[in-house]
Amino acid sequence: MLITVTRTGGFAGGETTASLETECRADGLEWERLAERALTAEGPTEREPVPDGFRYVVRADSKLVELQDPYLTEDQRQLIDAVLATAA
């Protein structure tokens, strides 16, 4: 499974993209389970725009979700942070 996270916004308005391929990783199944939970989680239905907040596009194979801080579940935040850390 290819997991890709793109983060936009924030104070500087920059963009960061990182990807992680789970297929050849020893912990790949754990990543895939986390991605499945993160992409199927229900967040709040009413979302106020947040000035200078981050927005995320998360793709895992053919699934795609658009998310926004501070309206992330714990699984979504964990997946986003971990994938973006691979770009650092």
Protein backbone atom coordinates (compact mmCIF):
# COMPACT_ATOMS: atom_id res chain seq x y z
CA MET A 1 0.00 0.00 0.00
CA LEU A 2 1.30 3.43 -0.91
CA ILE A 3 0.37 6.09 1.66
CA THR A 4 0.85 9.72 0.65
CA VAL A 5 0.24 12.80 2.80
CA THR A 6 0.23 16.36 1.49
CA ARG A 7 0.10 19.20 4.03
CA THR A 8 -0.76 22.75 2.99
CA GLY A 9 -1.47 25.96 4.85
CA GLY A 10 -0.06 27.08 8.12
CA PHE A 11 1.38 30.52 8.76
CA ALA A 12 3.77 30.36 5.80
CA GLY A 13 1.28 28.69 3.45
CA GLY A 14 3.80 26.10 2.30
CA GLU A 15 3.27 22.59 1.00
CA THR A 16 4.93 19.35 2.13
CA THR A 17 4.37 15.91 0.62
CA ALA A 18 5.67 12.57 1.84
CA SER A 19 4.97 8.97 0.88
CA LEU A 20 5.49 5.61 2.47
CA GLU A 21 5.32 2.23 0.74
CA THR A 22 4.23 -0.48 3.18
CA GLU A 23 4.86 -3.52 0.98
CA CYS A 24 8.52 -4.13 1.85
CA ARG A 25 8.37 -3.03 5.47
CA ALA A 26 8.41 -5.47 8.38
CA ASP A 27 5.77 -3.28 10.07
CA GLY A 28 3.78 -2.82 6.84
CA LEU A 29 0.63 -4.49 8.12
CA GLU A 30 0.55 -2.14 11.12
CA TRP A 31 0.82 0.87 8.78
CA GLU A 32 -1.98 -0.49 6.60
CA ARG A 33 -4.26 -0.99 9.59
CA LEU A 34 -3.54 2.51 10.85
CA ALA A 35 -4.25 3.96 7.39
CA GLU A 36 -7.54 2.05 7.17
CA ARG A 37 -8.65 3.38 10.57
CA ALA A 38 -7.53 6.91 9.73
CA LEU A 39 -9.26 7.01 6.36
CA THR A 40 -12.56 5.60 7.61
CA ALA A 41 -12.79 7.62 10.84
CA GLU A 42 -15.71 9.97 11.28
CA GLY A 43 -14.73 13.47 12.30
CA PRO A 44 -16.96 16.39 13.18
CA THR A 45 -19.48 17.22 10.46
CA GLU A 46 -19.42 20.98 11.10
CA ARG A 47 -15.94 22.39 10.62
CA GLU A 48 -15.17 26.04 11.11
CA PRO A 49 -12.24 27.31 9.04
CA VAL A 50 -9.14 27.81 11.16
CA PRO A 51 -6.90 30.76 10.25
CA ASP A 52 -3.39 29.54 9.42
CA GLY A 53 -4.46 25.95 10.09
CA PHE A 54 -3.06 22.99 8.21
CA ARG A 55 -5.06 21.05 5.65
CA TYR A 56 -4.15 17.53 4.63
CA VAL A 57 -4.82 15.25 1.69
CA VAL A 58 -4.21 11.63 2.64
CA ARG A 59 -4.15 8.89 0.00
CA ALA A 60 -3.82 5.18 0.60
CA ASP A 61 -4.02 3.29 -2.66
CA SER A 62 -7.34 4.37 -4.20
CA LYS A 63 -8.77 5.97 -1.04
CA LEU A 64 -8.48 9.70 -0.51
CA VAL A 65 -9.61 11.98 2.32
CA GLU A 66 -9.21 15.68 2.93
CA LEU A 67 -8.67 16.65 6.56
CA GLN A 68 -8.10 19.81 8.55
CA ASP A 69 -6.51 20.73 11.86
CA PRO A 70 -7.77 20.71 14.58
CA TYR A 71 -10.45 18.24 13.45
CA LEU A 72 -8.28 15.12 13.32
CA THR A 73 -8.84 11.85 15.13
CA GLU A 74 -5.93 10.35 17.05
CA ASP A 75 -5.38 7.76 14.27
CA GLN A 76 -5.39 10.47 11.60
CA ARG A 77 -2.91 12.60 13.51
CA GLN A 78 -0.65 9.60 14.16
CA LEU A 79 -0.64 8.58 10.50
CA ILE A 80 -0.07 12.13 9.23
CA ASP A 81 2.74 12.85 11.67
CA ALA A 82 4.49 9.54 10.99
CA VAL A 83 4.33 9.79 7.19
CA LEU A 84 5.43 13.44 7.15
CA ALA A 85 8.34 12.53 9.46
CA THR A 86 9.74 10.37 6.65
CA ALA A 87 10.21 13.55 4.58
CA ALA A 88 12.28 15.28 7.26
